[in-house]
Amino acid sequence: MFKKILITTALLGCAASAFSASNRPDGYVTICKIGESCSVSGATNVAFGAADKFVYKILSGSFSCSIATFGSDPNPSKSVKECSIPKSGSGGTTSSTPTSSSGSTSSSGNNGGGSSGSITGATCGSGGSTVNVSSTIIVSSGTYDGGCKVFNATSALGDGSQGEGQKPVFRVENGATLKNVVLGNNAADGIHFYNGGTIDNIRWTNVGEDAMTIKSSGTVNVKNISGYAGSDKFIQVNAASTLNVSNCVVDSMGKFLRQNGGTTFKIAVSVDRCQISNMGEGIFRTDSSTSTAKITNSRLRNAGSICIGKWASCTSSGITNY
């Protein structure tokens, strides 16, 4: 009888542990529960929810872990919900008043982030007005300034899962520029590039299928960006191209960049001043023996292998592991 009690107790303990883990996304640590107050020192992507259903919001300072704070209830059937933040931003601690130290500095400006030597990521927060997007916004020339509004895809574009065939929220073409945009809890298939383009000061609150995809050849410049809570690739490259990334903060993805599997066209990737953390596999992956990649002056944590595959050249310098 005593043995049965011990076994039952152990099983209940395991079940409780599994339930607790499901109340926060993979790679996140709980800082408080619904009805409690908690705080983070810098702009942090906070998850709120239970049982594998979450909404996300960029918060800083003290806040209440509540439906009111996040604007919606991700799982109405569960009364107990948790607020959690990426492990890389929590220092591995859990308390009702945590201090986040992500190693980056954020500001509230709307004109891009970062001086020439700092890593800040995007400066757009999640407090802007919301735009629901039912058809892809095409930026074919000039500059589209989103004014740091939050752009949420509707079901017409996709559900933000890993399902193939979702449509992008934005399509950038022919060297045009997209800036000052927050992609909200449903980012569908993010941003697509055709014939090159530039994005500046973009935040992905919850990366959907992919954050961005290069669909046709050209030069793509990516600067002052932040991306969180993806399951697979942050950047997908489907055509011969040159990609330059600077001043980025990317956390919790399967990998940072992937050249389309089985392809042999050449891509040239340069990443500078980025903070990359919690990659399930690594940073760069290709099957092409002609492609090149380099990462410089960056901070890595739990980022996996830097170079995966048949790169002609793949190098790193000025890397700090934190």
Protein backbone atom coordinates (compact mmCIF):
# COMPACT_ATOMS: atom_id res chain seq x y z
CA MET A 1 0.00 0.00 0.00
CA PHE A 2 2.80 2.38 0.95
CA LYS A 3 4.53 1.58 -2.34
CA LYS A 4 1.34 2.44 -4.27
CA ILE A 5 1.12 5.77 -2.47
CA LEU A 6 4.71 6.60 -3.41
CA ILE A 7 4.11 5.72 -7.07
CA THR A 8 0.88 7.73 -7.17
CA THR A 9 2.62 10.73 -5.60
CA ALA A 10 5.46 10.54 -8.12
CA LEU A 11 3.04 10.37 -11.04
CA LEU A 12 1.09 13.34 -9.76
CA GLY A 13 4.34 15.27 -9.41
CA CYS A 14 5.30 14.52 -13.01
CA ALA A 15 1.85 15.52 -14.24
CA ALA A 16 2.03 18.80 -12.33
CA SER A 17 5.46 19.51 -13.80
CA ALA A 18 4.25 18.82 -17.33
CA PHE A 19 1.23 21.08 -16.84
CA SER A 20 3.41 23.89 -15.53
CA ALA A 21 5.76 23.63 -18.51
CA SER A 22 2.83 23.89 -20.93
CA ASN A 23 1.83 27.23 -19.39
CA ARG A 24 4.80 28.94 -21.05
CA PRO A 25 6.31 28.68 -24.55
CA ASP A 26 9.45 26.64 -25.12
CA GLY A 27 12.51 28.66 -24.15
CA TYR A 28 10.53 30.88 -21.76
CA VAL A 29 10.60 31.09 -17.95
CA THR A 30 7.61 32.05 -15.78
CA ILE A 31 7.96 35.28 -13.83
CA CYS A 32 4.47 35.58 -12.32
CA LYS A 33 0.92 34.28 -12.51
CA ILE A 34 -2.37 35.93 -13.35
CA GLY A 35 -3.36 38.55 -10.77
CA GLU A 36 0.24 39.17 -9.73
CA SER A 37 2.52 42.07 -10.56
CA CYS A 38 5.92 41.61 -12.14
CA SER A 39 8.53 43.78 -13.81
CA VAL A 40 11.22 43.72 -16.47
CA SER A 41 13.92 46.35 -16.78
CA GLY A 42 13.92 46.67 -20.56
CA ALA A 43 11.59 46.12 -23.51
CA THR A 44 10.83 42.38 -23.31
CA ASN A 45 8.58 40.07 -25.30
CA VAL A 46 6.25 38.73 -22.58
CA ALA A 47 4.02 35.69 -23.17
CA PHE A 48 0.67 35.33 -21.38
CA GLY A 49 -1.42 32.17 -21.40
CA ALA A 50 -1.88 28.57 -20.41
CA ALA A 51 -1.92 25.08 -21.92
CA ASP A 52 0.08 25.97 -25.06
CA LYS A 53 -2.10 28.97 -26.00
CA PHE A 54 -0.46 32.39 -25.70
CA VAL A 55 -0.57 36.02 -26.67
CA TYR A 56 2.54 38.21 -26.63
CA LYS A 57 3.26 41.84 -25.86
CA ILE A 58 6.41 43.94 -25.61
CA LEU A 59 6.48 45.34 -22.07
CA SER A 60 8.94 47.20 -19.87
CA GLY A 61 8.91 48.16 -16.21
CA SER A 62 6.16 46.96 -13.87
CA PHE A 63 2.93 45.46 -15.17
CA SER A 64 0.01 43.33 -14.08
CA CYS A 65 -0.17 39.76 -15.35
CA SER A 66 -3.74 40.13 -16.56
CA ILE A 67 -6.08 39.94 -19.52
CA ALA A 68 -6.38 43.73 -19.40
CA THR A 69 -2.64 44.15 -19.91
CA PHE A 70 -2.49 41.84 -22.92
CA GLY A 71 -5.81 42.82 -24.46
CA SER A 72 -7.26 39.32 -24.90
CA ASP A 73 -7.67 35.96 -23.19
CA PRO A 74 -5.72 33.31 -25.14
CA ASN A 75 -7.39 30.40 -23.35
CA PRO A 76 -10.71 31.26 -21.65
CA SER A 77 -11.14 27.68 -20.42
CA LYS A 78 -8.12 28.02 -18.11
CA SER A 79 -8.40 30.27 -15.08
CA VAL A 80 -4.73 30.04 -14.06
CA LYS A 81 -2.42 31.68 -16.58
CA GLU A 82 1.23 32.65 -16.45
CA CYS A 83 3.40 35.50 -17.66
CA SER A 84 6.77 34.38 -18.97
CA ILE A 85 9.80 35.83 -20.74
CA PRO A 86 12.61 34.36 -22.88
CA LYS A 87 15.23 32.61 -20.77
CA SER A 88 17.91 34.70 -22.43
CA GLY A 89 16.29 37.82 -20.97
CA SER A 90 15.64 36.48 -17.50
CA GLY A 91 19.10 35.47 -16.38
CA GLY A 92 17.63 32.11 -15.43
CA THR A 93 15.68 33.47 -12.46
CA THR A 94 12.00 33.27 -11.62
CA SER A 95 10.26 35.63 -9.22
CA SER A 96 7.30 37.98 -8.95
CA THR A 97 9.57 40.98 -9.56
CA PRO A 98 12.24 39.78 -11.99
CA THR A 99 14.96 41.82 -13.58
CA SER A 100 15.60 41.24 -17.26
CA SER A 101 19.07 41.72 -18.66
CA SER A 102 19.16 40.97 -22.35
CA GLY A 103 22.40 42.80 -22.97
CA SER A 104 20.70 45.27 -25.31
CA THR A 105 19.43 48.78 -24.90
CA SER A 106 16.02 49.81 -26.18
CA SER A 107 14.38 53.17 -26.66
CA SER A 108 10.93 54.38 -27.57
CA GLY A 109 11.89 56.22 -30.75
CA ASN A 110 10.26 55.39 -34.06
CA ASN A 111 13.10 56.01 -36.49
CA GLY A 112 15.14 52.84 -36.31
CA GLY A 113 17.42 51.64 -33.56
CA GLY A 114 21.04 51.51 -32.69
CA SER A 115 24.19 53.50 -33.13
CA SER A 116 27.00 52.09 -35.22
CA GLY A 117 28.34 49.99 -32.34
CA SER A 118 25.31 49.00 -30.26
CA ILE A 119 22.82 46.16 -30.42
CA THR A 120 19.30 47.38 -29.73
CA GLY A 121 17.04 45.69 -32.26
CA ALA A 122 13.80 47.43 -33.17
CA THR A 123 12.61 50.43 -31.21
CA CYS A 124 8.92 50.07 -32.12
CA GLY A 125 6.99 48.64 -29.16
CA SER A 126 3.59 46.95 -29.22
CA GLY A 127 1.56 49.89 -27.95
CA GLY A 128 0.61 51.32 -31.32
CA SER A 129 -2.82 51.13 -32.90
CA THR A 130 -3.76 47.84 -34.56
CA VAL A 131 -4.27 47.24 -38.27
CA ASN A 132 -5.97 43.99 -39.34
CA VAL A 133 -4.56 42.82 -42.67
CA SER A 134 -6.72 40.63 -44.92
CA SER A 135 -4.71 41.01 -48.13
CA THR A 136 -0.96 41.40 -48.52
CA ILE A 137 0.29 45.00 -48.41
CA ILE A 138 2.53 45.50 -51.45
CA VAL A 139 5.39 48.01 -51.24
CA SER A 140 6.61 48.29 -54.81
CA SER A 141 8.48 51.62 -54.74
CA GLY A 142 9.60 54.34 -52.37
CA THR A 143 9.10 53.95 -48.63
CA TYR A 144 6.15 52.61 -46.63
CA ASP A 145 6.24 53.97 -43.07
CA GLY A 146 4.03 51.94 -40.73
CA GLY A 147 4.29 54.47 -37.92
CA CYS A 148 4.99 51.63 -35.43
CA LYS A 149 1.42 50.36 -35.77
CA VAL A 150 0.73 46.70 -35.00
CA PHE A 151 -0.17 44.76 -38.15
CA ASN A 152 -2.09 41.54 -37.49
CA ALA A 153 -2.91 39.07 -40.25
CA THR A 154 -6.46 37.77 -40.47
CA SER A 155 -7.32 34.18 -41.37
CA ALA A 156 -7.37 35.25 -45.03
CA LEU A 157 -3.56 35.26 -44.94
CA GLY A 158 -3.03 32.34 -42.56
CA ASP A 159 -3.03 31.45 -38.90
CA GLY A 160 0.63 32.11 -38.05
CA SER A 161 1.40 28.42 -37.58
CA GLN A 162 4.05 26.36 -39.39
CA GLY A 163 1.55 25.44 -42.09
CA GLU A 164 2.87 25.89 -45.63
CA GLY A 165 1.17 28.15 -48.14
CA GLN A 166 0.42 31.09 -45.87
CA LYS A 167 0.60 34.56 -47.39
CA PRO A 168 2.84 37.42 -46.27
CA VAL A 169 1.60 40.47 -44.43
CA PHE A 170 3.95 42.63 -46.50
CA ARG A 171 5.55 42.17 -49.92
CA VAL A 172 8.57 44.41 -50.61
CA GLU A 173 9.59 44.76 -54.27
CA ASN A 174 12.15 46.37 -56.56
CA GLY A 175 14.37 47.92 -53.91
CA ALA A 176 11.54 49.59 -51.96
CA THR A 177 11.74 50.22 -48.20
CA LEU A 178 9.43 49.13 -45.37
CA LYS A 179 10.01 50.70 -41.97
CA ASN A 180 8.53 51.19 -38.50
CA VAL A 181 6.27 48.15 -38.36
CA VAL A 182 5.23 45.73 -35.62
CA LEU A 183 3.96 42.34 -36.75
CA GLY A 184 1.51 41.14 -34.12
CA ASN A 185 0.42 37.80 -32.72
CA ASN A 186 -0.55 36.51 -36.18
CA ALA A 187 2.29 37.31 -38.56
CA ALA A 188 1.24 34.67 -41.16
CA ASP A 189 4.29 34.33 -43.46
CA GLY A 190 5.83 37.63 -42.46
CA ILE A 191 7.55 39.67 -45.17
CA HIS A 192 8.42 38.54 -48.71
CA PHE A 193 11.08 40.17 -50.90
CA TYR A 194 11.04 40.28 -54.69
CA ASN A 195 13.95 41.88 -56.59
CA GLY A 196 15.56 43.28 -53.47
CA GLY A 197 14.48 45.73 -50.81
CA THR A 198 15.13 47.19 -47.37
CA ILE A 199 13.39 46.82 -44.03
CA ASP A 200 14.19 49.05 -41.06
CA ASN A 201 12.87 49.02 -37.48
CA ILE A 202 10.62 45.96 -37.73
CA ARG A 203 9.46 43.86 -34.75
CA TRP A 204 7.97 40.38 -34.95
CA THR A 205 6.08 39.77 -31.70
CA ASN A 206 5.36 36.15 -32.58
CA VAL A 207 7.04 34.81 -35.73
CA GLY A 208 4.65 32.76 -37.85
CA GLU A 209 5.69 30.39 -40.65
CA ASP A 210 8.88 32.42 -41.27
CA ALA A 211 9.75 36.01 -40.37
CA MET A 212 10.93 36.85 -43.89
CA THR A 213 11.52 35.09 -47.19
CA ILE A 214 13.65 36.17 -50.17
CA LYS A 215 11.56 34.99 -53.11
CA SER A 216 13.58 36.31 -56.08
CA SER A 217 17.12 37.53 -56.73
CA GLY A 218 18.32 40.90 -55.47
CA THR A 219 20.05 42.63 -52.59
CA VAL A 220 18.11 42.70 -49.32
CA ASN A 221 19.13 45.01 -46.47
CA VAL A 222 17.72 44.29 -43.02
CA LYS A 223 18.47 46.61 -40.11
CA ASN A 224 17.20 47.41 -36.62
CA ILE A 225 14.92 44.41 -36.18
CA SER A 226 13.67 42.16 -33.37
CA GLY A 227 11.99 38.77 -33.67
CA TYR A 228 10.64 36.38 -31.06
CA ALA A 229 8.90 33.06 -30.54
CA GLY A 230 9.33 31.22 -33.84
CA SER A 231 9.32 27.47 -34.39
CA ASP A 232 11.45 27.07 -37.49
CA LYS A 233 13.41 29.53 -39.63
CA PHE A 234 13.69 33.24 -38.98
CA ILE A 235 14.95 33.96 -42.52
CA GLN A 236 14.24 31.74 -45.55
CA VAL A 237 16.22 32.31 -48.77
CA ASN A 238 14.68 30.90 -51.96
CA ALA A 239 16.75 32.66 -54.64
CA ALA A 240 20.31 33.72 -55.43
CA SER A 241 20.77 36.93 -53.49
CA THR A 242 22.86 39.13 -51.23
CA LEU A 243 21.57 39.61 -47.68
CA ASN A 244 22.94 42.19 -45.24
CA VAL A 245 21.63 42.15 -41.65
CA SER A 246 22.66 44.63 -38.96
CA ASN A 247 21.50 45.40 -35.42
CA CYS A 248 19.11 42.55 -34.74
CA VAL A 249 17.77 40.80 -31.65
CA VAL A 250 16.38 37.35 -32.43
CA ASP A 251 15.25 34.84 -29.81
CA SER A 252 13.69 31.36 -29.81
CA MET A 253 13.76 30.03 -33.39
CA GLY A 254 14.67 26.73 -34.97
CA LYS A 255 17.46 28.43 -36.91
CA PHE A 256 18.37 31.98 -37.85
CA LEU A 257 18.70 31.44 -41.62
CA ARG A 258 18.06 28.62 -44.06
CA GLN A 259 18.77 28.47 -47.78
CA ASN A 260 16.01 26.49 -49.47
CA GLY A 261 16.82 22.82 -48.94
CA GLY A 262 18.52 20.96 -51.79
CA THR A 263 19.28 24.11 -53.83
CA THR A 264 22.74 25.00 -55.17
CA PHE A 265 22.39 28.66 -56.18
CA LYS A 266 24.73 31.12 -54.48
CA ILE A 267 23.76 33.42 -51.64
CA ALA A 268 26.04 35.84 -49.79
CA VAL A 269 25.00 36.57 -46.20
CA SER A 270 26.53 39.15 -43.87
CA VAL A 271 25.29 39.56 -40.28
CA ASP A 272 26.72 42.25 -38.00
CA ARG A 273 25.85 43.43 -34.49
CA CYS A 274 23.18 40.90 -33.68
CA GLN A 275 22.08 39.20 -30.48
CA ILE A 276 20.90 35.68 -31.28
CA SER A 277 19.65 33.29 -28.61
CA ASN A 278 17.86 29.98 -28.15
CA MET A 279 18.19 28.53 -31.63
CA GLY A 280 17.03 24.92 -31.81
CA GLU A 281 19.62 24.00 -34.45
CA GLY A 282 21.92 26.86 -35.28
CA ILE A 283 22.46 30.09 -37.18
CA PHE A 284 23.31 29.48 -40.87
CA ARG A 285 22.27 26.41 -42.89
CA THR A 286 22.69 25.60 -46.58
CA ASP A 287 23.10 22.69 -48.98
CA SER A 288 24.95 24.87 -51.50
CA SER A 289 28.72 24.60 -51.81
CA THR A 290 28.86 28.03 -53.50
CA SER A 291 27.17 30.11 -50.78
CA THR A 292 28.97 32.27 -48.22
CA ALA A 293 28.05 33.59 -44.78
CA LYS A 294 29.70 35.57 -42.03
CA ILE A 295 28.67 36.91 -38.63
CA THR A 296 30.63 39.64 -36.85
CA ASN A 297 30.50 41.69 -33.64
CA SER A 298 27.59 39.73 -32.23
CA ARG A 299 26.34 38.14 -29.01
CA LEU A 300 25.22 34.51 -28.89
CA ARG A 301 23.50 32.41 -26.26
CA ASN A 302 22.28 28.82 -26.74
CA ALA A 303 22.56 29.52 -30.46
CA GLY A 304 23.72 26.08 -31.62
CA SER A 305 26.19 25.69 -34.47
CA ILE A 306 27.08 28.81 -36.42
CA CYS A 307 27.66 27.00 -39.73
CA ILE A 308 25.67 23.98 -40.85
CA GLY A 309 26.00 22.42 -44.31
CA LYS A 310 28.21 22.84 -47.37
CA TRP A 311 29.13 26.54 -47.25
CA ALA A 312 31.96 27.64 -49.58
CA SER A 313 32.89 30.01 -46.76
CA CYS A 314 31.28 30.52 -43.37
CA THR A 315 33.12 32.60 -40.79
CA SER A 316 32.63 34.40 -37.49
CA SER A 317 34.59 37.08 -35.66
CA GLY A 318 34.06 39.36 -32.71
CA ILE A 319 31.62 36.91 -31.12
CA THR A 320 30.69 37.07 -27.43
CA ASN A 321 28.92 34.19 -25.72
CA TYR A 322 26.81 35.45 -22.82
